[in-house]
């Protein structure tokens, strides 16, 4: 059982104050009966709820696309640093976790969800999910550099990196696609071929691409098609 005001916050995107106002204004029904108390409870997935006559569908899991800004760490909490979860309104924070990590100074696509099974699938190297990074580098890559990156390079780990894909945009910008998420991996891969990263942005994960309409720090819910796309990876 869950309180109606919390249900509205979790499934209609309302703040606590907005949910309370909607209930007290008789704009909410449970099983077609108007609700006038925020303490009223319902059974998720069984009882039907409407707001202003529109059905509010229960969602067991939430899936968000965040355009991560620089200066935030990919964590739920940190005693010293700002975290990406802090970018979400308080009503949405509960049980959310990042799908993998982006470095503090890395921007771009970061998936955030409370679906633990999906998180495990997407971060597992065995799933071979490619993640694309737009990388600004100090100098142009040579043919030999590209070959090394695509075959695997030594970044002082026990094993070479897995084969990557490199697409050259111009002398100072490339798209690097990798299936792993080792610590500072992209930066260490470029160092391994005598180069360095100036700027790093993740632009896609599998077939899911960063929404160009999202400014840094903004997020939105994934569409049903996008969720299905991720689950099919």
C-alpha atoms as a PDB file:
ATOM      1  CA  UNK A   1       0.000   0.000   0.000  1.00  0.00           C
ATOM      2  CA  UNK A   2       1.138   3.547  -0.724  1.00  0.00           C
ATOM      3  CA  UNK A   3      -0.143   7.024   0.127  1.00  0.00           C
ATOM      4  CA  UNK A   4      -1.884   8.821  -2.712  1.00  0.00           C
ATOM      5  CA  UNK A   5       0.390  11.855  -2.497  1.00  0.00           C
ATOM      6  CA  UNK A   6       3.505   9.684  -2.809  1.00  0.00           C
ATOM      7  CA  UNK A   7       1.900   7.746  -5.667  1.00  0.00           C
ATOM      8  CA  UNK A   8       1.361  10.996  -7.550  1.00  0.00           C
ATOM      9  CA  UNK A   9       4.936  12.083  -6.903  1.00  0.00           C
ATOM     10  CA  UNK A  10       6.347   8.762  -8.130  1.00  0.00           C
ATOM     11  CA  UNK A  11       4.111   8.293 -11.158  1.00  0.00           C
ATOM     12  CA  UNK A  12       2.841  11.727 -12.214  1.00  0.00           C
ATOM     13  CA  UNK A  13       6.050  13.693 -11.644  1.00  0.00           C
ATOM     14  CA  UNK A  14       4.445  16.031  -9.118  1.00  0.00           C
ATOM     15  CA  UNK A  15       6.228  17.598  -6.188  1.00  0.00           C
ATOM     16  CA  UNK A  16       4.887  16.898  -2.694  1.00  0.00           C
ATOM     17  CA  UNK A  17       3.217  20.303  -2.566  1.00  0.00           C
ATOM     18  CA  UNK A  18       1.678  19.852  -6.038  1.00  0.00           C
ATOM     19  CA  UNK A  19       0.348  16.416  -5.088  1.00  0.00           C
ATOM     20  CA  UNK A  20      -1.175  17.769  -1.868  1.00  0.00           C
ATOM     21  CA  UNK A  21      -2.812  20.649  -3.737  1.00  0.00           C
ATOM     22  CA  UNK A  22      -4.266  18.253  -6.349  1.00  0.00           C
ATOM     23  CA  UNK A  23      -5.742  16.001  -3.675  1.00  0.00           C
ATOM     24  CA  UNK A  24      -7.218  18.837  -1.601  1.00  0.00           C
ATOM     25  CA  UNK A  25      -8.702  20.336  -4.789  1.00  0.00           C
ATOM     26  CA  UNK A  26     -10.611  17.075  -5.451  1.00  0.00           C
ATOM     27  CA  UNK A  27      -8.754  16.530  -8.716  1.00  0.00           C
ATOM     28  CA  UNK A  28      -7.745  12.967  -7.822  1.00  0.00           C
ATOM     29  CA  UNK A  29      -9.762   9.735  -7.756  1.00  0.00           C
ATOM     30  CA  UNK A  30      -9.015   6.185  -6.612  1.00  0.00           C
ATOM     31  CA  UNK A  31     -11.218   3.610  -8.337  1.00  0.00           C
ATOM     32  CA  UNK A  32     -13.458   6.483  -9.541  1.00  0.00           C
ATOM     33  CA  UNK A  33     -13.998   7.791  -6.005  1.00  0.00           C
ATOM     34  CA  UNK A  34     -12.756  11.339  -5.318  1.00  0.00           C
ATOM     35  CA  UNK A  35      -9.943  11.519  -2.760  1.00  0.00           C
ATOM     36  CA  UNK A  36      -9.773  14.352  -0.263  1.00  0.00           C
ATOM     37  CA  UNK A  37      -7.023  13.182   2.100  1.00  0.00           C
ATOM     38  CA  UNK A  38      -3.316  12.873   1.291  1.00  0.00           C
ATOM     39  CA  UNK A  39      -3.152   9.984   3.783  1.00  0.00           C
ATOM     40  CA  UNK A  40      -5.491   7.867   1.663  1.00  0.00           C
ATOM     41  CA  UNK A  41      -3.789   4.670   0.521  1.00  0.00           C
ATOM     42  CA  UNK A  42      -4.024   2.458  -2.545  1.00  0.00           C
ATOM     43  CA  UNK A  43      -2.563  -0.757  -3.860  1.00  0.00           C
ATOM     44  CA  UNK A  44      -0.066  -0.122  -6.661  1.00  0.00           C
ATOM     45  CA  UNK A  45      -0.790  -1.998  -9.849  1.00  0.00           C
ATOM     46  CA  UNK A  46      -4.319  -2.897  -8.707  1.00  0.00           C
ATOM     47  CA  UNK A  47      -6.220   0.274  -7.860  1.00  0.00           C
ATOM     48  CA  UNK A  48      -6.826   2.841 -10.601  1.00  0.00           C
ATOM     49  CA  UNK A  49      -5.921   6.488 -10.132  1.00  0.00           C
ATOM     50  CA  UNK A  50      -6.862   9.558 -12.150  1.00  0.00           C
ATOM     51  CA  UNK A  51      -5.674  13.150 -12.013  1.00  0.00           C
ATOM     52  CA  UNK A  52      -7.922  15.712 -13.691  1.00  0.00           C
ATOM     53  CA  UNK A  53      -9.674  12.767 -15.312  1.00  0.00           C
ATOM     54  CA  UNK A  54      -6.499  11.335 -16.828  1.00  0.00           C
ATOM     55  CA  UNK A  55      -5.288   7.897 -15.685  1.00  0.00           C
ATOM     56  CA  UNK A  56      -2.001   7.830 -13.766  1.00  0.00           C
ATOM     57  CA  UNK A  57      -0.323   4.534 -14.564  1.00  0.00           C
ATOM     58  CA  UNK A  58       1.712   2.754 -11.914  1.00  0.00           C
ATOM     59  CA  UNK A  59       5.364   2.242 -12.874  1.00  0.00           C
ATOM     60  CA  UNK A  60       7.363  -0.294 -10.902  1.00  0.00           C
ATOM     61  CA  UNK A  61      10.606   0.971 -12.421  1.00  0.00           C
ATOM     62  CA  UNK A  62      11.730   4.390 -13.549  1.00  0.00           C
ATOM     63  CA  UNK A  63      14.172   4.978 -16.400  1.00  0.00           C
ATOM     64  CA  UNK A  64      15.841   8.314 -17.056  1.00  0.00           C
ATOM     65  CA  UNK A  65      18.260   9.734 -19.604  1.00  0.00           C
ATOM     66  CA  UNK A  66      20.516  12.371 -18.068  1.00  0.00           C
ATOM     67  CA  UNK A  67      22.840  14.712 -19.911  1.00  0.00           C
ATOM     68  CA  UNK A  68      25.530  14.654 -17.240  1.00  0.00           C
ATOM     69  CA  UNK A  69      27.316  17.950 -16.637  1.00  0.00           C
ATOM     70  CA  UNK A  70      30.965  18.267 -15.714  1.00  0.00           C
ATOM     71  CA  UNK A  71      31.737  18.562 -12.007  1.00  0.00           C
ATOM     72  CA  UNK A  72      29.406  15.808 -10.810  1.00  0.00           C
ATOM     73  CA  UNK A  73      30.386  12.277  -9.798  1.00  0.00           C
ATOM     74  CA  UNK A  74      28.368   9.240 -10.876  1.00  0.00           C
ATOM     75  CA  UNK A  75      27.262   8.121  -7.432  1.00  0.00           C
ATOM     76  CA  UNK A  76      24.239   8.104  -5.153  1.00  0.00           C
ATOM     77  CA  UNK A  77      26.020   9.966  -2.382  1.00  0.00           C
ATOM     78  CA  UNK A  78      29.431  11.440  -1.704  1.00  0.00           C
ATOM     79  CA  UNK A  79      30.660  13.328   1.338  1.00  0.00           C
ATOM     80  CA  UNK A  80      32.897  15.648  -0.710  1.00  0.00           C
ATOM     81  CA  UNK A  81      31.546  15.874  -4.252  1.00  0.00           C
ATOM     82  CA  UNK A  82      28.272  16.780  -5.951  1.00  0.00           C
ATOM     83  CA  UNK A  83      26.522  13.680  -7.307  1.00  0.00           C
ATOM     84  CA  UNK A  84      24.357  13.224 -10.386  1.00  0.00           C
ATOM     85  CA  UNK A  85      21.492  11.972  -8.209  1.00  0.00           C
ATOM     86  CA  UNK A  86      21.343  15.442  -6.652  1.00  0.00           C
ATOM     87  CA  UNK A  87      20.209  16.722 -10.060  1.00  0.00           C
ATOM     88  CA  UNK A  88      16.927  14.841  -9.664  1.00  0.00           C
ATOM     89  CA  UNK A  89      14.020  16.276  -7.692  1.00  0.00           C
ATOM     90  CA  UNK A  90      13.689  14.797  -4.218  1.00  0.00           C
ATOM     91  CA  UNK A  91      10.561  12.818  -5.148  1.00  0.00           C
ATOM     92  CA  UNK A  92      12.489  10.908  -7.822  1.00  0.00           C
ATOM     93  CA  UNK A  93      15.707  10.125  -5.964  1.00  0.00           C
ATOM     94  CA  UNK A  94      14.625   7.050  -4.014  1.00  0.00           C
ATOM     95  CA  UNK A  95      16.424   3.874  -5.105  1.00  0.00           C
ATOM     96  CA  UNK A  96      17.818   5.452  -8.275  1.00  0.00           C
ATOM     97  CA  UNK A  97      21.272   4.372  -9.393  1.00  0.00           C
ATOM     98  CA  UNK A  98      23.574   5.111 -12.308  1.00  0.00           C
ATOM     99  CA  UNK A  99      24.066   2.601 -15.093  1.00  0.00           C
ATOM    100  CA  UNK A 100      27.850   2.533 -15.013  1.00  0.00           C
ATOM    101  CA  UNK A 101      29.916   5.642 -14.362  1.00  0.00           C
ATOM    102  CA  UNK A 102      31.232   8.696 -16.101  1.00  0.00           C
ATOM    103  CA  UNK A 103      34.288  10.537 -14.806  1.00  0.00           C
ATOM    104  CA  UNK A 104      33.690  13.753 -12.898  1.00  0.00           C
ATOM    105  CA  UNK A 105      34.796  15.911 -15.853  1.00  0.00           C
ATOM    106  CA  UNK A 106      33.058  13.766 -18.495  1.00  0.00           C
ATOM    107  CA  UNK A 107      29.692  14.902 -19.852  1.00  0.00           C
ATOM    108  CA  UNK A 108      26.906  13.278 -21.821  1.00  0.00           C
ATOM    109  CA  UNK A 109      24.607  10.286 -21.736  1.00  0.00           C
ATOM    110  CA  UNK A 110      24.109   8.654 -18.360  1.00  0.00           C
ATOM    111  CA  UNK A 111      21.242   6.267 -17.704  1.00  0.00           C
ATOM    112  CA  UNK A 112      19.668   6.359 -14.255  1.00  0.00           C
ATOM    113  CA  UNK A 113      17.150   3.776 -13.052  1.00  0.00           C
ATOM    114  CA  UNK A 114      15.938   1.670 -10.141  1.00  0.00           C
ATOM    115  CA  UNK A 115      15.832  -1.480 -12.305  1.00  0.00           C
ATOM    116  CA  UNK A 116      18.737  -3.443 -10.838  1.00  0.00           C
ATOM    117  CA  UNK A 117      18.486  -6.271 -13.353  1.00  0.00           C
ATOM    118  CA  UNK A 118      18.836  -3.890 -16.289  1.00  0.00           C
ATOM    119  CA  UNK A 119      21.783  -2.139 -14.643  1.00  0.00           C
ATOM    120  CA  UNK A 120      23.569  -5.468 -14.264  1.00  0.00           C
ATOM    121  CA  UNK A 121      22.945  -6.400 -17.904  1.00  0.00           C
ATOM    122  CA  UNK A 122      24.121  -3.099 -19.318  1.00  0.00           C
ATOM    123  CA  UNK A 123      27.345  -2.864 -17.322  1.00  0.00           C
ATOM    124  CA  UNK A 124      28.344  -6.489 -17.854  1.00  0.00           C
ATOM    125  CA  UNK A 125      31.300  -6.693 -20.301  1.00  0.00           C
ATOM    126  CA  UNK A 126      29.925 -10.030 -21.494  1.00  0.00           C
ATOM    127  CA  UNK A 127      26.978  -8.228 -23.080  1.00  0.00           C
ATOM    128  CA  UNK A 128      29.387  -6.450 -25.468  1.00  0.00           C
ATOM    129  CA  UNK A 129      27.332  -3.229 -25.477  1.00  0.00           C
ATOM    130  CA  UNK A 130      29.190  -0.494 -27.346  1.00  0.00           C
ATOM    131  CA  UNK A 131      29.286   2.978 -25.831  1.00  0.00           C
ATOM    132  CA  UNK A 132      30.221   5.888 -28.102  1.00  0.00           C
ATOM    133  CA  UNK A 133      32.321   8.811 -26.881  1.00  0.00           C
ATOM    134  CA  UNK A 134      32.971  12.085 -28.639  1.00  0.00           C
ATOM    135  CA  UNK A 135      36.612  12.711 -27.785  1.00  0.00           C
ATOM    136  CA  UNK A 136      38.527  15.926 -28.318  1.00  0.00           C
ATOM    137  CA  UNK A 137      42.242  15.102 -28.450  1.00  0.00           C
ATOM    138  CA  UNK A 138      45.513  17.017 -28.449  1.00  0.00           C
ATOM    139  CA  UNK A 139      46.730  15.931 -31.870  1.00  0.00           C
ATOM    140  CA  UNK A 140      45.657  13.889 -34.865  1.00  0.00           C
ATOM    141  CA  UNK A 141      45.781  10.105 -34.663  1.00  0.00           C
ATOM    142  CA  UNK A 142      48.066   8.271 -37.040  1.00  0.00           C
ATOM    143  CA  UNK A 143      47.037   5.169 -38.954  1.00  0.00           C
ATOM    144  CA  UNK A 144      49.112   3.163 -36.483  1.00  0.00           C
ATOM    145  CA  UNK A 145      47.354   4.789 -33.517  1.00  0.00           C
ATOM    146  CA  UNK A 146      43.933   3.893 -34.880  1.00  0.00           C
ATOM    147  CA  UNK A 147      45.013   0.308 -35.576  1.00  0.00           C
ATOM    148  CA  UNK A 148      46.320  -0.047 -32.024  1.00  0.00           C
ATOM    149  CA  UNK A 149      43.129   1.325 -30.463  1.00  0.00           C
ATOM    150  CA  UNK A 150      40.972  -0.954 -32.567  1.00  0.00           C
ATOM    151  CA  UNK A 151      43.020  -4.039 -31.709  1.00  0.00           C
ATOM    152  CA  UNK A 152      43.491  -3.303 -27.991  1.00  0.00           C
ATOM    153  CA  UNK A 153      46.114  -1.315 -26.083  1.00  0.00           C
ATOM    154  CA  UNK A 154      48.070  -1.718 -22.865  1.00  0.00           C
ATOM    155  CA  UNK A 155      46.743   0.656 -20.189  1.00  0.00           C
ATOM    156  CA  UNK A 156      48.726  -0.980 -17.370  1.00  0.00           C
ATOM    157  CA  UNK A 157      45.941  -3.397 -16.481  1.00  0.00           C
ATOM    158  CA  UNK A 158      46.364  -7.196 -16.433  1.00  0.00           C
ATOM    159  CA  UNK A 159      44.774  -7.425 -19.896  1.00  0.00           C
ATOM    160  CA  UNK A 160      44.763  -5.286 -23.021  1.00  0.00           C
ATOM    161  CA  UNK A 161      41.623  -3.280 -23.704  1.00  0.00           C
ATOM    162  CA  UNK A 162      39.005  -4.977 -25.807  1.00  0.00           C
ATOM    163  CA  UNK A 163      38.915  -4.089 -29.513  1.00  0.00           C
ATOM    164  CA  UNK A 164      37.424  -0.632 -30.033  1.00  0.00           C
ATOM    165  CA  UNK A 165      36.056   1.260 -33.008  1.00  0.00           C
ATOM    166  CA  UNK A 166      37.470   4.613 -34.105  1.00  0.00           C
ATOM    167  CA  UNK A 167      35.798   7.138 -36.392  1.00  0.00           C
ATOM    168  CA  UNK A 168      37.828  10.234 -37.210  1.00  0.00           C
ATOM    169  CA  UNK A 169      35.861  13.488 -37.459  1.00  0.00           C
ATOM    170  CA  UNK A 170      38.853  15.787 -37.858  1.00  0.00           C
ATOM    171  CA  UNK A 171      42.397  16.126 -36.524  1.00  0.00           C
ATOM    172  CA  UNK A 172      41.223  16.918 -33.004  1.00  0.00           C
ATOM    173  CA  UNK A 173      37.937  15.035 -32.709  1.00  0.00           C
ATOM    174  CA  UNK A 174      37.110  11.352 -32.911  1.00  0.00           C
ATOM    175  CA  UNK A 175      34.294   9.031 -31.906  1.00  0.00           C
ATOM    176  CA  UNK A 176      35.646   6.134 -29.865  1.00  0.00           C
ATOM    177  CA  UNK A 177      33.388   3.136 -29.257  1.00  0.00           C
ATOM    178  CA  UNK A 178      34.212   0.698 -26.441  1.00  0.00           C
ATOM    179  CA  UNK A 179      32.427  -2.141 -24.646  1.00  0.00           C
ATOM    180  CA  UNK A 180      34.194  -1.834 -21.290  1.00  0.00           C
ATOM    181  CA  UNK A 181      34.128   0.680 -18.477  1.00  0.00           C
ATOM    182  CA  UNK A 182      37.500   0.510 -16.803  1.00  0.00           C
ATOM    183  CA  UNK A 183      38.724   3.353 -14.605  1.00  0.00           C
ATOM    184  CA  UNK A 184      39.487   6.416 -16.798  1.00  0.00           C
ATOM    185  CA  UNK A 185      39.587   4.007 -19.731  1.00  0.00           C
ATOM    186  CA  UNK A 186      39.226   6.406 -22.651  1.00  0.00           C
ATOM    187  CA  UNK A 187      41.844   8.763 -21.227  1.00  0.00           C
ATOM    188  CA  UNK A 188      44.248   5.893 -20.590  1.00  0.00           C
ATOM    189  CA  UNK A 189      43.711   4.479 -24.083  1.00  0.00           C
ATOM    190  CA  UNK A 190      44.662   7.790 -25.677  1.00  0.00           C
ATOM    191  CA  UNK A 191      47.710   8.088 -23.419  1.00  0.00           C
ATOM    192  CA  UNK A 192      48.711   4.597 -24.548  1.00  0.00           C
ATOM    193  CA  UNK A 193      49.047   5.858 -28.134  1.00  0.00           C
ATOM    194  CA  UNK A 194      50.913   9.020 -27.146  1.00  0.00           C
ATOM    195  CA  UNK A 195      47.933  11.349 -27.136  1.00  0.00           C
ATOM    196  CA  UNK A 196      45.704  12.987 -24.520  1.00  0.00           C
ATOM    197  CA  UNK A 197      42.030  13.789 -23.982  1.00  0.00           C
ATOM    198  CA  UNK A 198      40.998  17.435 -23.867  1.00  0.00           C
ATOM    199  CA  UNK A 199      37.254  16.886 -23.627  1.00  0.00           C
ATOM    200  CA  UNK A 200      35.084  13.789 -23.339  1.00  0.00           C
ATOM    201  CA  UNK A 201      31.358  13.292 -23.904  1.00  0.00           C
ATOM    202  CA  UNK A 202      29.367  10.051 -24.109  1.00  0.00           C
ATOM    203  CA  UNK A 203      26.852  10.294 -26.921  1.00  0.00           C
ATOM    204  CA  UNK A 204      25.284   6.822 -27.077  1.00  0.00           C
ATOM    205  CA  UNK A 205      24.927   3.477 -25.366  1.00  0.00           C
ATOM    206  CA  UNK A 206      23.994   0.617 -27.641  1.00  0.00           C
ATOM    207  CA  UNK A 207      21.356   2.013 -29.977  1.00  0.00           C
ATOM    208  CA  UNK A 208      20.232   4.650 -27.459  1.00  0.00           C
ATOM    209  CA  UNK A 209      21.482   8.116 -28.377  1.00  0.00           C
ATOM    210  CA  UNK A 210      21.722  11.216 -26.206  1.00  0.00           C
ATOM    211  CA  UNK A 211      18.735  13.493 -26.766  1.00  0.00           C
ATOM    212  CA  UNK A 212      20.104  16.670 -28.355  1.00  0.00           C
ATOM    213  CA  UNK A 213      17.312  18.699 -26.744  1.00  0.00           C
ATOM    214  CA  UNK A 214      18.665  18.016 -23.243  1.00  0.00           C
ATOM    215  CA  UNK A 215      21.013  20.665 -21.913  1.00  0.00           C
ATOM    216  CA  UNK A 216      23.722  19.598 -19.490  1.00  0.00           C
ATOM    217  CA  UNK A 217      22.105  18.781 -16.152  1.00  0.00           C
ATOM    218  CA  UNK A 218      18.695  18.074 -17.670  1.00  0.00           C
ATOM    219  CA  UNK A 219      17.007  14.681 -17.764  1.00  0.00           C
ATOM    220  CA  UNK A 220      13.866  13.047 -19.077  1.00  0.00           C
ATOM    221  CA  UNK A 221      12.090   9.724 -18.798  1.00  0.00           C
ATOM    222  CA  UNK A 222      12.892   7.146 -21.429  1.00  0.00           C
ATOM    223  CA  UNK A 223      10.110   6.382 -23.876  1.00  0.00           C
ATOM    224  CA  UNK A 224       8.614   2.847 -23.934  1.00  0.00           C
ATOM    225  CA  UNK A 225      10.444   2.203 -27.229  1.00  0.00           C
ATOM    226  CA  UNK A 226      13.765   3.298 -25.697  1.00  0.00           C
ATOM    227  CA  UNK A 227      13.230   1.033 -22.685  1.00  0.00           C
ATOM    228  CA  UNK A 228      12.457  -1.912 -24.956  1.00  0.00           C
ATOM    229  CA  UNK A 229      15.546  -1.077 -26.987  1.00  0.00           C
ATOM    230  CA  UNK A 230      17.768  -1.253 -23.903  1.00  0.00           C
ATOM    231  CA  UNK A 231      16.225  -4.479 -22.660  1.00  0.00           C
ATOM    232  CA  UNK A 232      16.829  -6.054 -26.061  1.00  0.00           C
ATOM    233  CA  UNK A 233      20.574  -5.348 -26.016  1.00  0.00           C
END
